[in-house]
Amino acid sequence: MKRFRLVSMLGDPTPAVGSLVTPAMLNGSRSLTRNLGLVLLVLALPASAADRAEEVRATEIAFAKAFADRDAKKFFLYLADDAQFLGRRNTMHGKQEVIAGWSEFFKPAVAPFRWQPERVVTNAAGDLGFSSGPVFDEAGVQIGTFTSTWVRQPDGSWKILFDGGSACPTTKQSAQ
């Protein structure tokens, strides 16, 4: 008679971990069904925070690429309806204000600046993301740092909720 090793996920009423089990003992076993159900449940749980952070990173990169490619339509699809963009002098409230304010940046044939994410994190629930990184001018000189907050949508996509940045402080060389 063949014997199998069964590793219990829950303990009783299944046999002890590592004990020998015959095929007949597996037939109709409620604990086996329960264990298989638990395995399926674990597989259906949300992705890890690291997986979600990679989703946010990929979304931020696609968002920046749409800007670099001068694809305003695609770029504006990443905006949440209640997006808030903090400019140097004012805050744009809502998707329509952001579209009105940022449409000016799409007029030149070449993007006036570019950015890339360096730091990306998500909360434990995996529904909020934060990305930050350098902003470069056309010559490749860092001119600032951006910060973005992303919200995961019911369909699994990410929309930008808050965006802002800061200019690089001027550096003075000290005489030594």
N, C-alpha and C. Protein backbone atom coordinates (compact mmCIF):
# COMPACT_ATOMS: atom_id res chain seq x y z
N MET A 1 0.84 -1.16 0.00
CA MET A 1 0.00 0.00 0.00
C MET A 1 0.90 1.24 0.00
N LYS A 2 0.53 2.24 -0.85
CA LYS A 2 1.30 3.47 -0.90
C LYS A 2 0.97 4.32 0.31
N ARG A 3 1.97 5.07 0.76
CA ARG A 3 1.76 6.00 1.86
C ARG A 3 2.32 7.35 1.45
N PHE A 4 1.65 8.42 1.89
CA PHE A 4 2.05 9.78 1.56
C PHE A 4 2.34 10.54 2.84
N ARG A 5 3.20 11.55 2.73
CA ARG A 5 3.40 12.46 3.85
C ARG A 5 2.44 13.62 3.67
N LEU A 6 1.71 13.97 4.69
CA LEU A 6 0.78 15.07 4.65
C LEU A 6 1.25 16.13 5.64
N VAL A 7 1.38 17.34 5.15
CA VAL A 7 1.76 18.43 6.04
C VAL A 7 0.50 19.21 6.34
N SER A 8 0.14 19.27 7.58
CA SER A 8 -1.09 19.94 7.98
C SER A 8 -0.86 21.44 8.09
N MET A 9 -1.84 22.21 7.60
CA MET A 9 -1.77 23.66 7.73
C MET A 9 -2.50 24.12 8.99
N LEU A 10 -3.44 23.34 9.49
CA LEU A 10 -4.25 23.78 10.61
C LEU A 10 -4.17 22.88 11.83
N GLY A 11 -3.54 21.77 11.76
CA GLY A 11 -3.53 20.86 12.90
C GLY A 11 -4.76 19.99 12.88
N ASP A 12 -5.27 19.66 14.03
CA ASP A 12 -6.42 18.78 14.14
C ASP A 12 -7.58 19.28 13.30
N PRO A 13 -8.38 18.41 12.73
CA PRO A 13 -8.41 16.96 12.87
C PRO A 13 -7.54 16.22 11.88
N THR A 14 -6.65 16.89 11.16
CA THR A 14 -5.76 16.16 10.26
C THR A 14 -4.68 15.49 11.07
N PRO A 15 -4.02 14.47 10.52
CA PRO A 15 -2.94 13.81 11.24
C PRO A 15 -1.82 14.79 11.51
N ALA A 16 -0.98 14.48 12.45
CA ALA A 16 0.14 15.33 12.83
C ALA A 16 1.05 15.58 11.64
N VAL A 17 1.73 16.68 11.66
CA VAL A 17 2.64 17.04 10.58
C VAL A 17 3.66 15.94 10.39
N GLY A 18 3.82 15.52 9.16
CA GLY A 18 4.80 14.51 8.82
C GLY A 18 4.35 13.08 9.05
N SER A 19 3.14 12.86 9.60
CA SER A 19 2.71 11.48 9.83
C SER A 19 2.32 10.85 8.49
N LEU A 20 2.40 9.54 8.45
CA LEU A 20 2.06 8.82 7.23
C LEU A 20 0.56 8.69 7.10
N VAL A 21 0.07 8.91 5.87
CA VAL A 21 -1.36 8.88 5.60
C VAL A 21 -1.58 7.97 4.40
N THR A 22 -2.59 7.14 4.48
CA THR A 22 -2.90 6.26 3.35
C THR A 22 -3.87 6.98 2.42
N PRO A 23 -3.91 6.60 1.14
CA PRO A 23 -4.87 7.22 0.21
C PRO A 23 -6.30 7.11 0.71
N ALA A 24 -6.64 6.01 1.38
CA ALA A 24 -8.00 5.84 1.87
C ALA A 24 -8.35 6.90 2.90
N MET A 25 -7.34 7.34 3.67
CA MET A 25 -7.58 8.36 4.69
C MET A 25 -7.87 9.72 4.07
N LEU A 26 -7.41 9.93 2.82
CA LEU A 26 -7.61 11.21 2.16
C LEU A 26 -8.99 11.33 1.51
N ASN A 27 -9.61 10.20 1.20
CA ASN A 27 -10.91 10.22 0.53
C ASN A 27 -11.96 10.87 1.44
N GLY A 28 -12.61 11.90 0.91
CA GLY A 28 -13.69 12.55 1.66
C GLY A 28 -13.21 13.35 2.86
N SER A 29 -11.97 13.64 2.95
CA SER A 29 -11.44 14.35 4.11
C SER A 29 -11.87 15.82 4.09
N ARG A 30 -12.59 16.23 5.11
CA ARG A 30 -12.99 17.64 5.21
C ARG A 30 -11.79 18.53 5.44
N SER A 31 -10.83 18.03 6.19
CA SER A 31 -9.66 18.86 6.49
C SER A 31 -8.84 19.12 5.22
N LEU A 32 -8.79 18.15 4.31
CA LEU A 32 -8.06 18.36 3.07
C LEU A 32 -8.76 19.44 2.25
N THR A 33 -10.07 19.36 2.19
CA THR A 33 -10.85 20.37 1.47
C THR A 33 -10.64 21.73 2.10
N ARG A 34 -10.66 21.79 3.41
CA ARG A 34 -10.45 23.05 4.12
C ARG A 34 -9.05 23.59 3.84
N ASN A 35 -8.06 22.70 3.86
CA ASN A 35 -6.69 23.14 3.60
C ASN A 35 -6.52 23.65 2.18
N LEU A 36 -7.14 22.98 1.23
CA LEU A 36 -7.07 23.46 -0.15
C LEU A 36 -7.76 24.82 -0.29
N GLY A 37 -8.87 24.98 0.42
CA GLY A 37 -9.56 26.27 0.41
C GLY A 37 -8.69 27.37 0.99
N LEU A 38 -7.96 27.07 2.05
CA LEU A 38 -7.06 28.07 2.63
C LEU A 38 -5.94 28.43 1.67
N VAL A 39 -5.40 27.46 0.99
CA VAL A 39 -4.35 27.72 0.01
C VAL A 39 -4.87 28.66 -1.07
N LEU A 40 -6.07 28.39 -1.57
CA LEU A 40 -6.66 29.25 -2.60
C LEU A 40 -6.93 30.65 -2.06
N LEU A 41 -7.34 30.75 -0.81
CA LEU A 41 -7.58 32.05 -0.20
C LEU A 41 -6.28 32.85 -0.10
N VAL A 42 -5.22 32.21 0.31
CA VAL A 42 -3.93 32.88 0.41
C VAL A 42 -3.48 33.36 -0.96
N LEU A 43 -3.69 32.55 -1.98
CA LEU A 43 -3.29 32.95 -3.33
C LEU A 43 -4.12 34.12 -3.84
N ALA A 44 -5.33 34.27 -3.33
CA ALA A 44 -6.21 35.35 -3.78
C ALA A 44 -5.99 36.65 -3.01
N LEU A 45 -5.19 36.64 -1.96
CA LEU A 45 -4.94 37.85 -1.17
C LEU A 45 -4.26 38.91 -2.02
N PRO A 46 -4.39 40.17 -1.62
CA PRO A 46 -3.76 41.24 -2.40
C PRO A 46 -2.25 41.03 -2.51
N ALA A 47 -1.70 41.62 -3.56
CA ALA A 47 -0.27 41.53 -3.78
C ALA A 47 0.47 42.19 -2.61
N SER A 48 1.71 41.83 -2.44
CA SER A 48 2.50 42.41 -1.37
C SER A 48 2.74 43.89 -1.62
N ALA A 49 3.17 44.57 -0.58
CA ALA A 49 3.49 46.00 -0.71
C ALA A 49 4.58 46.21 -1.75
N ALA A 50 5.53 45.29 -1.83
CA ALA A 50 6.60 45.41 -2.83
C ALA A 50 6.03 45.31 -4.24
N ASP A 51 5.08 44.40 -4.45
CA ASP A 51 4.44 44.27 -5.76
C ASP A 51 3.66 45.53 -6.12
N ARG A 52 2.94 46.06 -5.15
CA ARG A 52 2.17 47.29 -5.38
C ARG A 52 3.11 48.46 -5.65
N ALA A 53 4.23 48.52 -4.95
CA ALA A 53 5.20 49.60 -5.19
C ALA A 53 5.73 49.52 -6.62
N GLU A 54 5.94 48.31 -7.11
CA GLU A 54 6.40 48.17 -8.50
C GLU A 54 5.32 48.60 -9.48
N GLU A 55 4.05 48.38 -9.13
CA GLU A 55 2.96 48.87 -9.97
C GLU A 55 2.98 50.41 -10.02
N VAL A 56 3.18 51.04 -8.86
CA VAL A 56 3.24 52.50 -8.80
C VAL A 56 4.44 53.00 -9.59
N ARG A 57 5.60 52.36 -9.44
CA ARG A 57 6.79 52.75 -10.19
C ARG A 57 6.52 52.68 -11.70
N ALA A 58 5.94 51.58 -12.15
CA ALA A 58 5.65 51.42 -13.57
C ALA A 58 4.66 52.48 -14.05
N THR A 59 3.68 52.82 -13.20
CA THR A 59 2.70 53.84 -13.57
C THR A 59 3.36 55.21 -13.64
N GLU A 60 4.22 55.52 -12.69
CA GLU A 60 4.93 56.81 -12.71
C GLU A 60 5.80 56.92 -13.96
N ILE A 61 6.47 55.84 -14.31
CA ILE A 61 7.32 55.83 -15.52
C ILE A 61 6.46 56.04 -16.77
N ALA A 62 5.31 55.39 -16.83
CA ALA A 62 4.41 55.55 -17.98
C ALA A 62 3.85 56.97 -18.04
N PHE A 63 3.55 57.55 -16.90
CA PHE A 63 3.06 58.92 -16.79
C PHE A 63 4.12 59.89 -17.33
N ALA A 64 5.36 59.72 -16.89
CA ALA A 64 6.47 60.56 -17.37
C ALA A 64 6.72 60.35 -18.86
N LYS A 65 6.58 59.11 -19.33
CA LYS A 65 6.80 58.82 -20.75
C LYS A 65 5.72 59.49 -21.61
N ALA A 66 4.48 59.49 -21.14
CA ALA A 66 3.41 60.17 -21.88
C ALA A 66 3.74 61.66 -22.02
N PHE A 67 4.32 62.25 -20.98
CA PHE A 67 4.72 63.65 -21.04
C PHE A 67 5.87 63.83 -22.04
N ALA A 68 6.89 62.99 -21.94
CA ALA A 68 8.03 63.08 -22.85
C ALA A 68 7.62 62.84 -24.30
N ASP A 69 6.66 61.95 -24.51
CA ASP A 69 6.18 61.64 -25.86
C ASP A 69 5.19 62.69 -26.38
N ARG A 70 4.87 63.67 -25.52
CA ARG A 70 3.95 64.75 -25.88
C ARG A 70 2.53 64.23 -26.11
N ASP A 71 2.17 63.18 -25.40
CA ASP A 71 0.84 62.57 -25.52
C ASP A 71 -0.05 63.07 -24.38
N ALA A 72 -0.59 64.26 -24.55
CA ALA A 72 -1.41 64.89 -23.52
C ALA A 72 -2.63 64.04 -23.16
N LYS A 73 -3.27 63.47 -24.15
CA LYS A 73 -4.46 62.66 -23.89
C LYS A 73 -4.14 61.51 -22.93
N LYS A 74 -3.08 60.79 -23.21
CA LYS A 74 -2.68 59.67 -22.34
C LYS A 74 -2.25 60.19 -20.97
N PHE A 75 -1.47 61.27 -20.96
CA PHE A 75 -0.99 61.86 -19.71
C PHE A 75 -2.16 62.19 -18.78
N PHE A 76 -3.17 62.86 -19.31
CA PHE A 76 -4.28 63.30 -18.47
C PHE A 76 -5.18 62.14 -18.02
N LEU A 77 -5.08 60.99 -18.66
CA LEU A 77 -5.84 59.81 -18.19
C LEU A 77 -5.36 59.33 -16.82
N TYR A 78 -4.14 59.68 -16.45
CA TYR A 78 -3.59 59.27 -15.16
C TYR A 78 -4.09 60.11 -13.99
N LEU A 79 -4.83 61.17 -14.26
CA LEU A 79 -5.29 62.07 -13.21
C LEU A 79 -6.56 61.55 -12.54
N ALA A 80 -6.57 61.57 -11.21
CA ALA A 80 -7.80 61.32 -10.47
C ALA A 80 -8.71 62.53 -10.66
N ASP A 81 -10.00 62.33 -10.60
CA ASP A 81 -10.95 63.44 -10.78
C ASP A 81 -10.70 64.57 -9.78
N ASP A 82 -10.29 64.21 -8.55
CA ASP A 82 -10.06 65.22 -7.51
C ASP A 82 -8.56 65.48 -7.29
N ALA A 83 -7.77 65.33 -8.36
CA ALA A 83 -6.32 65.56 -8.28
C ALA A 83 -6.02 66.98 -7.81
N GLN A 84 -4.94 67.11 -7.07
CA GLN A 84 -4.47 68.40 -6.59
C GLN A 84 -3.00 68.51 -6.99
N PHE A 85 -2.66 69.48 -7.82
CA PHE A 85 -1.27 69.70 -8.22
C PHE A 85 -0.79 71.00 -7.60
N LEU A 86 0.27 70.91 -6.83
CA LEU A 86 0.82 72.06 -6.14
C LEU A 86 1.90 72.69 -7.01
N GLY A 87 1.61 73.83 -7.57
CA GLY A 87 2.58 74.55 -8.37
C GLY A 87 3.42 75.47 -7.48
N ARG A 88 4.34 76.19 -8.09
CA ARG A 88 5.18 77.11 -7.31
C ARG A 88 4.37 78.26 -6.74
N ARG A 89 3.34 78.69 -7.46
CA ARG A 89 2.58 79.86 -7.02
C ARG A 89 1.14 79.55 -6.62
N ASN A 90 0.60 78.45 -7.11
CA ASN A 90 -0.79 78.14 -6.80
C ASN A 90 -1.01 76.63 -6.79
N THR A 91 -2.20 76.25 -6.36
CA THR A 91 -2.59 74.84 -6.36
C THR A 91 -3.73 74.68 -7.36
N MET A 92 -3.59 73.68 -8.22
CA MET A 92 -4.64 73.36 -9.18
C MET A 92 -5.54 72.30 -8.52
N HIS A 93 -6.82 72.63 -8.41
CA HIS A 93 -7.78 71.78 -7.72
C HIS A 93 -8.65 71.06 -8.74
N GLY A 94 -8.56 69.76 -8.79
CA GLY A 94 -9.40 68.96 -9.67
C GLY A 94 -8.78 68.75 -11.04
N LYS A 95 -9.23 67.69 -11.66
CA LYS A 95 -8.69 67.26 -12.96
C LYS A 95 -8.76 68.37 -14.01
N GLN A 96 -9.87 69.08 -14.08
CA GLN A 96 -10.02 70.10 -15.12
C GLN A 96 -9.03 71.24 -14.95
N GLU A 97 -8.77 71.67 -13.71
CA GLU A 97 -7.78 72.72 -13.48
C GLU A 97 -6.37 72.23 -13.82
N VAL A 98 -6.09 70.99 -13.49
CA VAL A 98 -4.76 70.43 -13.80
C VAL A 98 -4.59 70.37 -15.32
N ILE A 99 -5.61 69.92 -16.02
CA ILE A 99 -5.54 69.86 -17.49
C ILE A 99 -5.30 71.27 -18.05
N ALA A 100 -6.03 72.26 -17.54
CA ALA A 100 -5.87 73.63 -18.03
C ALA A 100 -4.46 74.14 -17.74
N GLY A 101 -3.96 73.88 -16.55
CA GLY A 101 -2.63 74.36 -16.18
C GLY A 101 -1.50 73.64 -16.89
N TRP A 102 -1.62 72.35 -17.04
CA TRP A 102 -0.53 71.55 -17.63
C TRP A 102 -0.58 71.50 -19.15
N SER A 103 -1.66 71.89 -19.76
CA SER A 103 -1.73 71.89 -21.22
C SER A 103 -0.65 72.78 -21.82
N GLU A 104 -0.27 73.82 -21.12
CA GLU A 104 0.79 74.73 -21.58
C GLU A 104 2.12 73.97 -21.77
N PHE A 105 2.38 72.99 -20.90
CA PHE A 105 3.63 72.22 -20.98
C PHE A 105 3.68 71.33 -22.22
N PHE A 106 2.54 71.10 -22.86
CA PHE A 106 2.50 70.24 -24.04
C PHE A 106 2.64 71.03 -25.34
N LYS A 107 2.69 72.35 -25.27
CA LYS A 107 2.81 73.16 -26.49
C LYS A 107 4.16 73.02 -27.17
N PRO A 108 5.28 73.04 -26.44
CA PRO A 108 6.58 72.86 -27.13
C PRO A 108 6.70 71.45 -27.72
N ALA A 109 7.43 71.35 -28.83
CA ALA A 109 7.63 70.04 -29.47
C ALA A 109 8.46 69.10 -28.59
N VAL A 110 9.32 69.69 -27.78
CA VAL A 110 10.17 68.91 -26.87
C VAL A 110 9.75 69.24 -25.45
N ALA A 111 9.66 68.22 -24.62
CA ALA A 111 9.27 68.43 -23.22
C ALA A 111 10.26 69.37 -22.54
N PRO A 112 9.76 70.36 -21.80
CA PRO A 112 10.64 71.30 -21.14
C PRO A 112 11.38 70.72 -19.93
N PHE A 113 10.93 69.58 -19.46
CA PHE A 113 11.59 68.90 -18.34
C PHE A 113 11.17 67.43 -18.36
N ARG A 114 11.86 66.65 -17.55
CA ARG A 114 11.52 65.23 -17.43
C ARG A 114 11.79 64.80 -15.99
N TRP A 115 11.25 63.68 -15.60
CA TRP A 115 11.45 63.17 -14.25
C TRP A 115 11.47 61.66 -14.26
N GLN A 116 11.97 61.11 -13.15
CA GLN A 116 11.99 59.65 -13.00
C GLN A 116 11.88 59.31 -11.52
N PRO A 117 11.16 58.26 -11.21
CA PRO A 117 11.01 57.88 -9.80
C PRO A 117 12.28 57.22 -9.26
N GLU A 118 12.67 57.63 -8.06
CA GLU A 118 13.77 56.98 -7.36
C GLU A 118 13.26 56.22 -6.14
N ARG A 119 12.35 56.84 -5.41
CA ARG A 119 11.79 56.21 -4.21
C ARG A 119 10.31 55.99 -4.44
N VAL A 120 9.87 54.76 -4.21
CA VAL A 120 8.46 54.42 -4.38
C VAL A 120 8.06 53.50 -3.24
N VAL A 121 6.97 53.83 -2.57
CA VAL A 121 6.45 53.01 -1.48
C VAL A 121 4.92 52.98 -1.58
N THR A 122 4.35 51.98 -0.92
CA THR A 122 2.89 51.92 -0.79
C THR A 122 2.54 51.63 0.66
N ASN A 123 1.31 51.91 1.02
CA ASN A 123 0.86 51.57 2.36
C ASN A 123 0.60 50.06 2.44
N ALA A 124 0.39 49.57 3.64
CA ALA A 124 0.21 48.13 3.85
C ALA A 124 -1.03 47.60 3.12
N ALA A 125 -2.07 48.42 3.01
CA ALA A 125 -3.29 47.99 2.33
C ALA A 125 -3.09 47.91 0.82
N GLY A 126 -2.04 48.54 0.32
CA GLY A 126 -1.76 48.49 -1.11
C GLY A 126 -2.66 49.36 -1.96
N ASP A 127 -3.29 50.39 -1.34
CA ASP A 127 -4.18 51.24 -2.11
C ASP A 127 -3.70 52.68 -2.24
N LEU A 128 -2.61 53.03 -1.56
CA LEU A 128 -1.99 54.34 -1.69
C LEU A 128 -0.52 54.17 -2.01
N GLY A 129 -0.03 54.97 -2.93
CA GLY A 129 1.38 54.90 -3.29
C GLY A 129 2.01 56.28 -3.29
N PHE A 130 3.30 56.33 -3.06
CA PHE A 130 4.06 57.57 -3.04
C PHE A 130 5.28 57.37 -3.91
N SER A 131 5.56 58.34 -4.79
CA SER A 131 6.77 58.27 -5.60
C SER A 131 7.46 59.63 -5.54
N SER A 132 8.78 59.57 -5.62
CA SER A 132 9.58 60.78 -5.53
C SER A 132 10.85 60.57 -6.33
N GLY A 133 11.38 61.67 -6.87
CA GLY A 133 12.62 61.56 -7.62
C GLY A 133 13.02 62.89 -8.24
N PRO A 134 14.11 62.86 -8.98
CA PRO A 134 14.63 64.10 -9.57
C PRO A 134 13.85 64.55 -10.80
N VAL A 135 13.87 65.87 -11.01
CA VAL A 135 13.33 66.50 -12.21
C VAL A 135 14.52 67.14 -12.93
N PHE A 136 14.62 66.93 -14.24
CA PHE A 136 15.74 67.43 -15.03
C PHE A 136 15.24 68.39 -16.10
N ASP A 137 16.06 69.38 -16.42
CA ASP A 137 15.73 70.27 -17.54
C ASP A 137 16.12 69.60 -18.85
N GLU A 138 15.95 70.33 -19.95
CA GLU A 138 16.24 69.77 -21.28
C GLU A 138 17.70 69.36 -21.44
N ALA A 139 18.60 70.03 -20.70
CA ALA A 139 20.03 69.73 -20.80
C ALA A 139 20.44 68.58 -19.88
N GLY A 140 19.50 68.07 -19.09
CA GLY A 140 19.82 66.97 -18.19
C GLY A 140 20.30 67.41 -16.82
N VAL A 141 20.18 68.69 -16.50
CA VAL A 141 20.58 69.21 -15.20
C VAL A 141 19.41 69.09 -14.24
N GLN A 142 19.67 68.56 -13.05
CA GLN A 142 18.58 68.43 -12.09
C GLN A 142 18.16 69.82 -11.63
N ILE A 143 16.86 70.09 -11.76
CA ILE A 143 16.31 71.38 -11.38
C ILE A 143 15.34 71.28 -10.21
N GLY A 144 15.02 70.08 -9.80
CA GLY A 144 14.09 69.92 -8.69
C GLY A 144 13.85 68.48 -8.34
N THR A 145 12.88 68.30 -7.46
CA THR A 145 12.47 66.98 -7.01
C THR A 145 10.94 66.94 -7.02
N PHE A 146 10.37 65.88 -7.54
CA PHE A 146 8.91 65.76 -7.56
C PHE A 146 8.47 64.79 -6.47
N THR A 147 7.23 64.94 -6.04
CA THR A 147 6.58 63.98 -5.16
C THR A 147 5.16 63.77 -5.67
N SER A 148 4.74 62.53 -5.72
CA SER A 148 3.40 62.19 -6.20
C SER A 148 2.75 61.18 -5.28
N THR A 149 1.46 61.34 -5.06
CA THR A 149 0.68 60.38 -4.30
C THR A 149 -0.33 59.76 -5.26
N TRP A 150 -0.36 58.42 -5.28
CA TRP A 150 -1.20 57.66 -6.20
C TRP A 150 -2.26 56.90 -5.42
N VAL A 151 -3.42 56.74 -6.03
CA VAL A 151 -4.52 55.98 -5.43
C VAL A 151 -4.88 54.83 -6.37
N ARG A 152 -4.95 53.63 -5.81
CA ARG A 152 -5.31 52.46 -6.61
C ARG A 152 -6.81 52.47 -6.84
N GLN A 153 -7.20 52.26 -8.08
CA GLN A 153 -8.60 52.27 -8.49
C GLN A 153 -9.20 50.86 -8.38
N PRO A 154 -10.52 50.75 -8.34
CA PRO A 154 -11.15 49.42 -8.26
C PRO A 154 -10.74 48.48 -9.40
N ASP A 155 -10.40 49.04 -10.57
CA ASP A 155 -9.99 48.18 -11.68
C ASP A 155 -8.51 47.79 -11.63
N GLY A 156 -7.80 48.23 -10.58
CA GLY A 156 -6.39 47.89 -10.42
C GLY A 156 -5.43 48.92 -10.97
N SER A 157 -5.94 49.92 -11.68
CA SER A 157 -5.07 50.98 -12.21
C SER A 157 -4.75 51.97 -11.08
N TRP A 158 -3.79 52.84 -11.34
CA TRP A 158 -3.40 53.86 -10.38
C TRP A 158 -3.66 55.24 -10.98
N LYS A 159 -4.19 56.15 -10.16
CA LYS A 159 -4.44 57.53 -10.57
C LYS A 159 -3.68 58.45 -9.61
N ILE A 160 -3.16 59.53 -10.17
CA ILE A 160 -2.43 60.48 -9.34
C ILE A 160 -3.41 61.39 -8.62
N LEU A 161 -3.23 61.52 -7.31
CA LEU A 161 -4.11 62.33 -6.48
C LEU A 161 -3.44 63.65 -6.10
N PHE A 162 -2.20 63.59 -5.63
CA PHE A 162 -1.45 64.78 -5.26
C PHE A 162 -0.13 64.77 -6.00
N ASP A 163 0.28 65.95 -6.48
CA ASP A 163 1.56 66.07 -7.15
C ASP A 163 2.15 67.43 -6.81
N GLY A 164 3.42 67.44 -6.61
CA GLY A 164 4.11 68.69 -6.31
C GLY A 164 5.60 68.48 -6.43
N GLY A 165 6.32 69.49 -6.13
CA GLY A 165 7.76 69.37 -6.21
C GLY A 165 8.43 70.57 -5.58
N SER A 166 9.72 70.52 -5.61
CA SER A 166 10.50 71.63 -5.09
C SER A 166 11.71 71.82 -5.98
N ALA A 167 12.12 73.08 -6.08
CA ALA A 167 13.30 73.41 -6.87
C ALA A 167 14.55 73.02 -6.08
N CYS A 168 15.61 72.75 -6.81
CA CYS A 168 16.88 72.48 -6.15
C CYS A 168 17.40 73.76 -5.53
N PRO A 169 17.90 73.69 -4.32
CA PRO A 169 18.49 74.89 -3.73
C PRO A 169 19.77 75.25 -4.49
N THR A 170 20.05 76.51 -4.60
CA THR A 170 21.29 76.91 -5.25
C THR A 170 22.45 76.55 -4.34
N THR A 171 23.50 76.08 -4.92
CA THR A 171 24.66 75.70 -4.13
C THR A 171 25.75 76.74 -4.30
N LYS A 172 26.37 77.09 -3.21
CA LYS A 172 27.47 78.05 -3.23
C LYS A 172 28.75 77.31 -2.88
N GLN A 173 29.74 77.56 -3.66
CA GLN A 173 31.02 76.92 -3.38
C GLN A 173 31.74 77.74 -2.33
N SER A 174 32.22 77.06 -1.32
CA SER A 174 32.93 77.77 -0.28
C SER A 174 34.42 77.83 -0.62
N ALA A 175 35.01 78.96 -0.32
CA ALA A 175 36.45 79.13 -0.57
C ALA A 175 37.21 78.46 0.56
N GLN A 176 38.14 77.65 0.19
CA GLN A 176 38.95 76.97 1.23
C GLN A 176 40.39 77.25 1.04
